[in-house]
Amino acid sequence: MIRRTTEQWLALFDQYKASGLTQTEFAKQQGIDPTYFSYRKRQLLAWQQDDNTGFVELTPQGMLLSQPMLLKKRDVELLLPSGTDALWLAALLRAL
């Protein structure tokens, strides 16, 4: 099976529309399983239409722990009070 990029699949869908063939005929002519062609078409075209349901960028600035947190590692314990800056905690954990 040939691996295609998203752009290549979208170009194939455009070729299919312009071909005048049925989806099955077009897929077979291109050497693609018709079921897989249909699956990729639904998947990629639905993805293009879902502009409002994608990921939302979140910025973690100002995030604070809402409850105290106790971190334990072997015989060391670190008690973080509520209100501890979550970014500071993330930096601390990365440094360990």
PDB file of N, CA and C in Angstrom:
ATOM      1  N   MET A   1       0.841  -1.178   0.000  1.00  0.00           N
ATOM      2  CA  MET A   1       0.000   0.000   0.000  1.00  0.00           C
ATOM      3  C   MET A   1       0.890   1.246   0.000  1.00  0.00           C
ATOM      4  N   ILE A   2       0.488   2.229  -0.751  1.00  0.00           N
ATOM      5  CA  ILE A   2       1.219   3.492  -0.833  1.00  0.00           C
ATOM      6  C   ILE A   2       0.812   4.384   0.334  1.00  0.00           C
ATOM      7  N   ARG A   3       1.792   4.950   1.007  1.00  0.00           N
ATOM      8  CA  ARG A   3       1.499   5.917   2.080  1.00  0.00           C
ATOM      9  C   ARG A   3       1.321   7.286   1.448  1.00  0.00           C
ATOM     10  N   ARG A   4       0.214   7.932   1.751  1.00  0.00           N
ATOM     11  CA  ARG A   4      -0.082   9.242   1.183  1.00  0.00           C
ATOM     12  C   ARG A   4      -0.204  10.275   2.292  1.00  0.00           C
ATOM     13  N   THR A   5       0.200  11.493   1.975  1.00  0.00           N
ATOM     14  CA  THR A   5       0.039  12.598   2.915  1.00  0.00           C
ATOM     15  C   THR A   5      -1.408  13.074   2.865  1.00  0.00           C
ATOM     16  N   THR A   6      -1.776  13.886   3.815  1.00  0.00           N
ATOM     17  CA  THR A   6      -3.116  14.462   3.824  1.00  0.00           C
ATOM     18  C   THR A   6      -3.370  15.238   2.542  1.00  0.00           C
ATOM     19  N   GLU A   7      -2.380  15.994   2.090  1.00  0.00           N
ATOM     20  CA  GLU A   7      -2.542  16.782   0.866  1.00  0.00           C
ATOM     21  C   GLU A   7      -2.768  15.877  -0.343  1.00  0.00           C
ATOM     22  N   GLN A   8      -2.066  14.749  -0.388  1.00  0.00           N
ATOM     23  CA  GLN A   8      -2.246  13.820  -1.494  1.00  0.00           C
ATOM     24  C   GLN A   8      -3.641  13.202  -1.486  1.00  0.00           C
ATOM     25  N   TRP A   9      -4.150  12.886  -0.287  1.00  0.00           N
ATOM     26  CA  TRP A   9      -5.507  12.347  -0.193  1.00  0.00           C
ATOM     27  C   TRP A   9      -6.526  13.386  -0.650  1.00  0.00           C
ATOM     28  N   LEU A  10      -6.352  14.616  -0.213  1.00  0.00           N
ATOM     29  CA  LEU A  10      -7.296  15.672  -0.604  1.00  0.00           C
ATOM     30  C   LEU A  10      -7.273  15.891  -2.113  1.00  0.00           C
ATOM     31  N   ALA A  11      -6.088  15.800  -2.712  1.00  0.00           N
ATOM     32  CA  ALA A  11      -5.980  15.925  -4.168  1.00  0.00           C
ATOM     33  C   ALA A  11      -6.693  14.757  -4.849  1.00  0.00           C
ATOM     34  N   LEU A  12      -6.574  13.557  -4.281  1.00  0.00           N
ATOM     35  CA  LEU A  12      -7.284  12.400  -4.838  1.00  0.00           C
ATOM     36  C   LEU A  12      -8.795  12.585  -4.776  1.00  0.00           C
ATOM     37  N   PHE A  13      -9.276  13.148  -3.670  1.00  0.00           N
ATOM     38  CA  PHE A  13     -10.720  13.376  -3.538  1.00  0.00           C
ATOM     39  C   PHE A  13     -11.196  14.376  -4.586  1.00  0.00           C
ATOM     40  N   ASP A  14     -10.389  15.392  -4.860  1.00  0.00           N
ATOM     41  CA  ASP A  14     -10.723  16.356  -5.921  1.00  0.00           C
ATOM     42  C   ASP A  14     -10.738  15.672  -7.279  1.00  0.00           C
ATOM     43  N   GLN A  15      -9.762  14.800  -7.528  1.00  0.00           N
ATOM     44  CA  GLN A  15      -9.725  14.058  -8.795  1.00  0.00           C
ATOM     45  C   GLN A  15     -10.953  13.166  -8.928  1.00  0.00           C
ATOM     46  N   TYR A  16     -11.342  12.545  -7.816  1.00  0.00           N
ATOM     47  CA  TYR A  16     -12.533  11.694  -7.826  1.00  0.00           C
ATOM     48  C   TYR A  16     -13.770  12.500  -8.217  1.00  0.00           C
ATOM     49  N   LYS A  17     -13.930  13.663  -7.615  1.00  0.00           N
ATOM     50  CA  LYS A  17     -15.101  14.504  -7.928  1.00  0.00           C
ATOM     51  C   LYS A  17     -15.147  14.862  -9.406  1.00  0.00           C
ATOM     52  N   ALA A  18     -13.995  15.162  -9.972  1.00  0.00           N
ATOM     53  CA  ALA A  18     -13.929  15.588 -11.370  1.00  0.00           C
ATOM     54  C   ALA A  18     -13.999  14.414 -12.346  1.00  0.00           C
ATOM     55  N   SER A  19     -13.814  13.184 -11.847  1.00  0.00           N
ATOM     56  CA  SER A  19     -13.698  12.030 -12.742  1.00  0.00           C
ATOM     57  C   SER A  19     -15.017  11.582 -13.360  1.00  0.00           C
ATOM     58  N   GLY A  20     -16.114  11.804 -12.676  1.00  0.00           N
ATOM     59  CA  GLY A  20     -17.406  11.302 -13.159  1.00  0.00           C
ATOM     60  C   GLY A  20     -17.602   9.821 -12.877  1.00  0.00           C
ATOM     61  N   LEU A  21     -16.640   9.190 -12.231  1.00  0.00           N
ATOM     62  CA  LEU A  21     -16.738   7.772 -11.887  1.00  0.00           C
ATOM     63  C   LEU A  21     -17.420   7.600 -10.535  1.00  0.00           C
ATOM     64  N   THR A  22     -17.877   6.382 -10.278  1.00  0.00           N
ATOM     65  CA  THR A  22     -18.358   6.102  -8.930  1.00  0.00           C
ATOM     66  C   THR A  22     -17.145   6.038  -8.015  1.00  0.00           C
ATOM     67  N   GLN A  23     -17.390   6.151  -6.744  1.00  0.00           N
ATOM     68  CA  GLN A  23     -16.285   6.112  -5.777  1.00  0.00           C
ATOM     69  C   GLN A  23     -15.556   4.774  -5.867  1.00  0.00           C
ATOM     70  N   THR A  24     -16.304   3.694  -5.999  1.00  0.00           N
ATOM     71  CA  THR A  24     -15.701   2.359  -6.101  1.00  0.00           C
ATOM     72  C   THR A  24     -14.852   2.243  -7.356  1.00  0.00           C
ATOM     73  N   GLU A  25     -15.375   2.695  -8.493  1.00  0.00           N
ATOM     74  CA  GLU A  25     -14.620   2.629  -9.744  1.00  0.00           C
ATOM     75  C   GLU A  25     -13.331   3.444  -9.658  1.00  0.00           C
ATOM     76  N   PHE A  26     -13.455   4.661  -9.111  1.00  0.00           N
ATOM     77  CA  PHE A  26     -12.287   5.524  -9.004  1.00  0.00           C
ATOM     78  C   PHE A  26     -11.226   4.903  -8.102  1.00  0.00           C
ATOM     79  N   ALA A  27     -11.658   4.394  -6.949  1.00  0.00           N
ATOM     80  CA  ALA A  27     -10.716   3.803  -6.001  1.00  0.00           C
ATOM     81  C   ALA A  27      -9.994   2.617  -6.636  1.00  0.00           C
ATOM     82  N   LYS A  28     -10.738   1.738  -7.302  1.00  0.00           N
ATOM     83  CA  LYS A  28     -10.115   0.579  -7.940  1.00  0.00           C
ATOM     84  C   LYS A  28      -9.140   1.021  -9.028  1.00  0.00           C
ATOM     85  N   GLN A  29      -9.507   2.041  -9.773  1.00  0.00           N
ATOM     86  CA  GLN A  29      -8.635   2.553 -10.834  1.00  0.00           C
ATOM     87  C   GLN A  29      -7.314   3.079 -10.260  1.00  0.00           C
ATOM     88  N   GLN A  30      -7.375   3.625  -9.050  1.00  0.00           N
ATOM     89  CA  GLN A  30      -6.182   4.168  -8.390  1.00  0.00           C
ATOM     90  C   GLN A  30      -5.422   3.104  -7.595  1.00  0.00           C
ATOM     91  N   GLY A  31      -5.964   1.875  -7.558  1.00  0.00           N
ATOM     92  CA  GLY A  31      -5.314   0.804  -6.810  1.00  0.00           C
ATOM     93  C   GLY A  31      -5.533   0.906  -5.311  1.00  0.00           C
ATOM     94  N   ILE A  32      -6.655   1.500  -4.927  1.00  0.00           N
ATOM     95  CA  ILE A  32      -6.987   1.695  -3.506  1.00  0.00           C
ATOM     96  C   ILE A  32      -8.214   0.860  -3.190  1.00  0.00           C
ATOM     97  N   ASP A  33      -8.203   0.195  -2.053  1.00  0.00           N
ATOM     98  CA  ASP A  33      -9.384  -0.537  -1.610  1.00  0.00           C
ATOM     99  C   ASP A  33     -10.543   0.456  -1.455  1.00  0.00           C
ATOM    100  N   PRO A  34     -11.691   0.209  -2.086  1.00  0.00           N
ATOM    101  CA  PRO A  34     -12.804   1.160  -2.027  1.00  0.00           C
ATOM    102  C   PRO A  34     -13.278   1.472  -0.607  1.00  0.00           C
ATOM    103  N   THR A  35     -13.239   0.473   0.258  1.00  0.00           N
ATOM    104  CA  THR A  35     -13.658   0.693   1.650  1.00  0.00           C
ATOM    105  C   THR A  35     -12.701   1.645   2.346  1.00  0.00           C
ATOM    106  N   TYR A  36     -11.402   1.463   2.102  1.00  0.00           N
ATOM    107  CA  TYR A  36     -10.401   2.340   2.716  1.00  0.00           C
ATOM    108  C   TYR A  36     -10.506   3.759   2.138  1.00  0.00           C
ATOM    109  N   PHE A  37     -10.737   3.859   0.853  1.00  0.00           N
ATOM    110  CA  PHE A  37     -10.905   5.169   0.214  1.00  0.00           C
ATOM    111  C   PHE A  37     -12.069   5.914   0.878  1.00  0.00           C
ATOM    112  N   SER A  38     -13.175   5.213   1.063  1.00  0.00           N
ATOM    113  CA  SER A  38     -14.356   5.813   1.704  1.00  0.00           C
ATOM    114  C   SER A  38     -14.046   6.241   3.139  1.00  0.00           C
ATOM    115  N   TYR A  39     -13.342   5.377   3.865  1.00  0.00           N
ATOM    116  CA  TYR A  39     -12.964   5.682   5.248  1.00  0.00           C
ATOM    117  C   TYR A  39     -12.104   6.941   5.316  1.00  0.00           C
ATOM    118  N   ARG A  40     -11.053   7.014   4.471  1.00  0.00           N
ATOM    119  CA  ARG A  40     -10.162   8.182   4.481  1.00  0.00           C
ATOM    120  C   ARG A  40     -10.908   9.444   4.070  1.00  0.00           C
ATOM    121  N   LYS A  41     -11.817   9.314   3.124  1.00  0.00           N
ATOM    122  CA  LYS A  41     -12.592  10.474   2.670  1.00  0.00           C
ATOM    123  C   LYS A  41     -13.432  11.022   3.821  1.00  0.00           C
ATOM    124  N   ARG A  42     -14.147  10.145   4.495  1.00  0.00           N
ATOM    125  CA  ARG A  42     -14.963  10.588   5.637  1.00  0.00           C
ATOM    126  C   ARG A  42     -14.088  11.198   6.719  1.00  0.00           C
ATOM    127  N   GLN A  43     -12.981  10.529   7.017  1.00  0.00           N
ATOM    128  CA  GLN A  43     -12.090  10.966   8.093  1.00  0.00           C
ATOM    129  C   GLN A  43     -11.497  12.343   7.803  1.00  0.00           C
ATOM    130  N   LEU A  44     -10.928  12.526   6.635  1.00  0.00           N
ATOM    131  CA  LEU A  44     -10.223  13.776   6.345  1.00  0.00           C
ATOM    132  C   LEU A  44     -11.174  14.934   6.061  1.00  0.00           C
ATOM    133  N   LEU A  45     -12.263  14.663   5.374  1.00  0.00           N
ATOM    134  CA  LEU A  45     -13.197  15.752   5.084  1.00  0.00           C
ATOM    135  C   LEU A  45     -13.931  16.192   6.349  1.00  0.00           C
ATOM    136  N   ALA A  46     -14.230  15.249   7.231  1.00  0.00           N
ATOM    137  CA  ALA A  46     -14.858  15.618   8.512  1.00  0.00           C
ATOM    138  C   ALA A  46     -13.888  16.436   9.349  1.00  0.00           C
ATOM    139  N   TRP A  47     -12.605  16.050   9.308  1.00  0.00           N
ATOM    140  CA  TRP A  47     -11.585  16.791  10.061  1.00  0.00           C
ATOM    141  C   TRP A  47     -11.484  18.225   9.572  1.00  0.00           C
ATOM    142  N   GLN A  48     -11.588  18.439   8.267  1.00  0.00           N
ATOM    143  CA  GLN A  48     -11.509  19.793   7.711  1.00  0.00           C
ATOM    144  C   GLN A  48     -12.691  20.646   8.146  1.00  0.00           C
ATOM    145  N   GLN A  49     -13.850  20.039   8.322  1.00  0.00           N
ATOM    146  CA  GLN A  49     -15.059  20.790   8.661  1.00  0.00           C
ATOM    147  C   GLN A  49     -15.163  21.086  10.146  1.00  0.00           C
ATOM    148  N   ASP A  50     -14.389  20.416  10.972  1.00  0.00           N
ATOM    149  CA  ASP A  50     -14.471  20.570  12.423  1.00  0.00           C
ATOM    150  C   ASP A  50     -13.580  21.692  12.930  1.00  0.00           C
ATOM    151  N   ASP A  51     -13.664  22.866  12.338  1.00  0.00           N
ATOM    152  CA  ASP A  51     -12.814  23.978  12.753  1.00  0.00           C
ATOM    153  C   ASP A  51     -13.075  24.395  14.196  1.00  0.00           C
ATOM    154  N   ASN A  52     -14.317  24.291  14.657  1.00  0.00           N
ATOM    155  CA  ASN A  52     -14.659  24.782  15.984  1.00  0.00           C
ATOM    156  C   ASN A  52     -14.531  23.725  17.065  1.00  0.00           C
ATOM    157  N   THR A  53     -14.224  22.491  16.700  1.00  0.00           N
ATOM    158  CA  THR A  53     -14.154  21.444  17.711  1.00  0.00           C
ATOM    159  C   THR A  53     -12.737  20.929  17.908  1.00  0.00           C
ATOM    160  N   GLY A  54     -11.746  21.644  17.425  1.00  0.00           N
ATOM    161  CA  GLY A  54     -10.359  21.217  17.564  1.00  0.00           C
ATOM    162  C   GLY A  54      -9.807  21.569  18.924  1.00  0.00           C
ATOM    163  N   PHE A  55      -8.509  21.512  19.008  1.00  0.00           N
ATOM    164  CA  PHE A  55      -7.856  21.833  20.268  1.00  0.00           C
ATOM    165  C   PHE A  55      -7.916  23.333  20.538  1.00  0.00           C
ATOM    166  N   VAL A  56      -7.969  23.663  21.790  1.00  0.00           N
ATOM    167  CA  VAL A  56      -7.964  25.048  22.230  1.00  0.00           C
ATOM    168  C   VAL A  56      -6.663  25.277  22.969  1.00  0.00           C
ATOM    169  N   GLU A  57      -5.975  26.346  22.657  1.00  0.00           N
ATOM    170  CA  GLU A  57      -4.718  26.630  23.329  1.00  0.00           C
ATOM    171  C   GLU A  57      -5.009  27.157  24.732  1.00  0.00           C
ATOM    172  N   LEU A  58      -4.394  26.529  25.702  1.00  0.00           N
ATOM    173  CA  LEU A  58      -4.533  26.948  27.089  1.00  0.00           C
ATOM    174  C   LEU A  58      -3.206  27.493  27.566  1.00  0.00           C
ATOM    175  N   THR A  59      -3.263  28.563  28.301  1.00  0.00           N
ATOM    176  CA  THR A  59      -2.046  29.101  28.879  1.00  0.00           C
ATOM    177  C   THR A  59      -2.124  28.908  30.385  1.00  0.00           C
ATOM    178  N   PRO A  60      -1.168  28.209  30.953  1.00  0.00           N
ATOM    179  CA  PRO A  60      -1.250  27.858  32.370  1.00  0.00           C
ATOM    180  C   PRO A  60      -0.859  28.978  33.323  1.00  0.00           C
ATOM    181  N   GLN A  61      -0.759  30.197  32.847  1.00  0.00           N
ATOM    182  CA  GLN A  61      -0.367  31.288  33.736  1.00  0.00           C
ATOM    183  C   GLN A  61      -1.410  31.488  34.832  1.00  0.00           C
ATOM    184  N   GLY A  62      -0.929  31.640  36.031  1.00  0.00           N
ATOM    185  CA  GLY A  62      -1.822  31.930  37.142  1.00  0.00           C
ATOM    186  C   GLY A  62      -2.481  30.709  37.744  1.00  0.00           C
ATOM    187  N   MET A  63      -2.075  29.504  37.318  1.00  0.00           N
ATOM    188  CA  MET A  63      -2.663  28.297  37.895  1.00  0.00           C
ATOM    189  C   MET A  63      -2.048  28.063  39.268  1.00  0.00           C
ATOM    190  N   LEU A  64      -2.900  27.826  40.224  1.00  0.00           N
ATOM    191  CA  LEU A  64      -2.438  27.589  41.586  1.00  0.00           C
ATOM    192  C   LEU A  64      -3.017  26.282  42.090  1.00  0.00           C
ATOM    193  N   LEU A  65      -2.295  25.604  42.971  1.00  0.00           N
ATOM    194  CA  LEU A  65      -2.818  24.387  43.576  1.00  0.00           C
ATOM    195  C   LEU A  65      -4.008  24.761  44.456  1.00  0.00           C
ATOM    196  N   SER A  66      -5.093  24.033  44.288  1.00  0.00           N
ATOM    197  CA  SER A  66      -6.283  24.357  45.080  1.00  0.00           C
ATOM    198  C   SER A  66      -6.270  23.672  46.441  1.00  0.00           C
ATOM    199  N   GLN A  67      -5.446  22.636  46.588  1.00  0.00           N
ATOM    200  CA  GLN A  67      -5.340  21.926  47.864  1.00  0.00           C
ATOM    201  C   GLN A  67      -3.866  21.703  48.171  1.00  0.00           C
ATOM    202  N   PRO A  68      -3.536  21.527  49.441  1.00  0.00           N
ATOM    203  CA  PRO A  68      -2.147  21.201  49.774  1.00  0.00           C
ATOM    204  C   PRO A  68      -1.755  19.882  49.109  1.00  0.00           C
ATOM    205  N   MET A  69      -0.470  19.751  48.787  1.00  0.00           N
ATOM    206  CA  MET A  69       0.008  18.538  48.138  1.00  0.00           C
ATOM    207  C   MET A  69       1.252  18.056  48.865  1.00  0.00           C
ATOM    208  N   LEU A  70       1.299  16.755  49.123  1.00  0.00           N
ATOM    209  CA  LEU A  70       2.450  16.153  49.778  1.00  0.00           C
ATOM    210  C   LEU A  70       3.182  15.298  48.746  1.00  0.00           C
ATOM    211  N   LEU A  71       4.452  15.649  48.472  1.00  0.00           N
ATOM    212  CA  LEU A  71       5.287  14.882  47.556  1.00  0.00           C
ATOM    213  C   LEU A  71       6.248  14.054  48.393  1.00  0.00           C
ATOM    214  N   LYS A  72       6.334  12.745  48.091  1.00  0.00           N
ATOM    215  CA  LYS A  72       7.239  11.861  48.819  1.00  0.00           C
ATOM    216  C   LYS A  72       8.156  11.163  47.829  1.00  0.00           C
ATOM    217  N   LYS A  73       9.416  11.115  48.180  1.00  0.00           N
ATOM    218  CA  LYS A  73      10.400  10.340  47.431  1.00  0.00           C
ATOM    219  C   LYS A  73      11.331   9.730  48.456  1.00  0.00           C
ATOM    220  N   ARG A  74      11.252   8.418  48.593  1.00  0.00           N
ATOM    221  CA  ARG A  74      12.004   7.673  49.600  1.00  0.00           C
ATOM    222  C   ARG A  74      11.779   8.279  50.982  1.00  0.00           C
ATOM    223  N   ASP A  75      12.793   8.818  51.606  1.00  0.00           N
ATOM    224  CA  ASP A  75      12.625   9.349  52.959  1.00  0.00           C
ATOM    225  C   ASP A  75      12.475  10.870  52.984  1.00  0.00           C
ATOM    226  N   VAL A  76      12.234  11.476  51.825  1.00  0.00           N
ATOM    227  CA  VAL A  76      12.071  12.930  51.749  1.00  0.00           C
ATOM    228  C   VAL A  76      10.602  13.261  51.492  1.00  0.00           C
ATOM    229  N   GLU A  77      10.082  14.198  52.254  1.00  0.00           N
ATOM    230  CA  GLU A  77       8.711  14.658  52.064  1.00  0.00           C
ATOM    231  C   GLU A  77       8.712  16.163  51.856  1.00  0.00           C
ATOM    232  N   LEU A  78       7.899  16.619  50.896  1.00  0.00           N
ATOM    233  CA  LEU A  78       7.773  18.043  50.628  1.00  0.00           C
ATOM    234  C   LEU A  78       6.290  18.389  50.646  1.00  0.00           C
ATOM    235  N   LEU A  79       5.897  19.235  51.582  1.00  0.00           N
ATOM    236  CA  LEU A  79       4.505  19.652  51.687  1.00  0.00           C
ATOM    237  C   LEU A  79       4.348  20.999  50.997  1.00  0.00           C
ATOM    238  N   LEU A  80       3.523  21.021  49.961  1.00  0.00           N
ATOM    239  CA  LEU A  80       3.253  22.261  49.229  1.00  0.00           C
ATOM    240  C   LEU A  80       1.885  22.773  49.651  1.00  0.00           C
ATOM    241  N   PRO A  81       1.826  23.990  50.130  1.00  0.00           N
ATOM    242  CA  PRO A  81       0.543  24.530  50.590  1.00  0.00           C
ATOM    243  C   PRO A  81      -0.365  24.870  49.408  1.00  0.00           C
ATOM    244  N   SER A  82      -1.647  24.961  49.668  1.00  0.00           N
ATOM    245  CA  SER A  82      -2.553  25.422  48.617  1.00  0.00           C
ATOM    246  C   SER A  82      -2.129  26.833  48.239  1.00  0.00           C
ATOM    247  N   GLY A  83      -2.293  27.183  46.981  1.00  0.00           N
ATOM    248  CA  GLY A  83      -1.850  28.474  46.498  1.00  0.00           C
ATOM    249  C   GLY A  83      -0.458  28.437  45.884  1.00  0.00           C
ATOM    250  N   THR A  84       0.196  27.255  45.911  1.00  0.00           N
ATOM    251  CA  THR A  84       1.508  27.125  45.275  1.00  0.00           C
ATOM    252  C   THR A  84       1.342  27.251  43.768  1.00  0.00           C
ATOM    253  N   ASP A  85       2.231  27.992  43.144  1.00  0.00           N
ATOM    254  CA  ASP A  85       2.175  28.202  41.697  1.00  0.00           C
ATOM    255  C   ASP A  85       2.460  26.891  40.972  1.00  0.00           C
ATOM    256  N   ALA A  86       1.548  26.467  40.104  1.00  0.00           N
ATOM    257  CA  ALA A  86       1.676  25.207  39.385  1.00  0.00           C
ATOM    258  C   ALA A  86       2.863  25.223  38.416  1.00  0.00           C
ATOM    259  N   LEU A  87       3.174  26.365  37.840  1.00  0.00           N
ATOM    260  CA  LEU A  87       4.334  26.448  36.938  1.00  0.00           C
ATOM    261  C   LEU A  87       5.632  26.247  37.705  1.00  0.00           C
ATOM    262  N   TRP A  88       5.697  26.781  38.884  1.00  0.00           N
ATOM    263  CA  TRP A  88       6.873  26.590  39.721  1.00  0.00           C
ATOM    264  C   TRP A  88       7.028  25.112  40.065  1.00  0.00           C
ATOM    265  N   LEU A  89       5.912  24.461  40.413  1.00  0.00           N
ATOM    266  CA  LEU A  89       5.929  23.039  40.737  1.00  0.00           C
ATOM    267  C   LEU A  89       6.372  22.209  39.524  1.00  0.00           C
ATOM    268  N   ALA A  90       5.878  22.540  38.340  1.00  0.00           N
ATOM    269  CA  ALA A  90       6.271  21.810  37.124  1.00  0.00           C
ATOM    270  C   ALA A  90       7.765  21.970  36.878  1.00  0.00           C
ATOM    271  N   ALA A  91       8.291  23.169  37.068  1.00  0.00           N
ATOM    272  CA  ALA A  91       9.725  23.403  36.877  1.00  0.00           C
ATOM    273  C   ALA A  91      10.535  22.614  37.904  1.00  0.00           C
ATOM    274  N   LEU A  92      10.060  22.557  39.114  1.00  0.00           N
ATOM    275  CA  LEU A  92      10.731  21.791  40.151  1.00  0.00           C
ATOM    276  C   LEU A  92      10.786  20.310  39.805  1.00  0.00           C
ATOM    277  N   LEU A  93       9.662  19.757  39.363  1.00  0.00           N
ATOM    278  CA  LEU A  93       9.597  18.327  39.019  1.00  0.00           C
ATOM    279  C   LEU A  93      10.486  18.014  37.814  1.00  0.00           C
ATOM    280  N   ARG A  94      10.546  18.920  36.851  1.00  0.00           N
ATOM    281  CA  ARG A  94      11.429  18.701  35.697  1.00  0.00           C
ATOM    282  C   ARG A  94      12.898  18.692  36.127  1.00  0.00           C
ATOM    283  N   ALA A  95      13.218  19.487  37.121  1.00  0.00           N
ATOM    284  CA  ALA A  95      14.614  19.597  37.574  1.00  0.00           C
ATOM    285  C   ALA A  95      15.045  18.383  38.395  1.00  0.00           C
ATOM    286  N   LEU A  96      14.110  17.629  38.905  1.00  0.00           N
ATOM    287  CA  LEU A  96      14.478  16.461  39.746  1.00  0.00           C
ATOM    288  C   LEU A  96      14.962  15.297  38.938  1.00  0.00           C
TER     289      LEU A  96
END
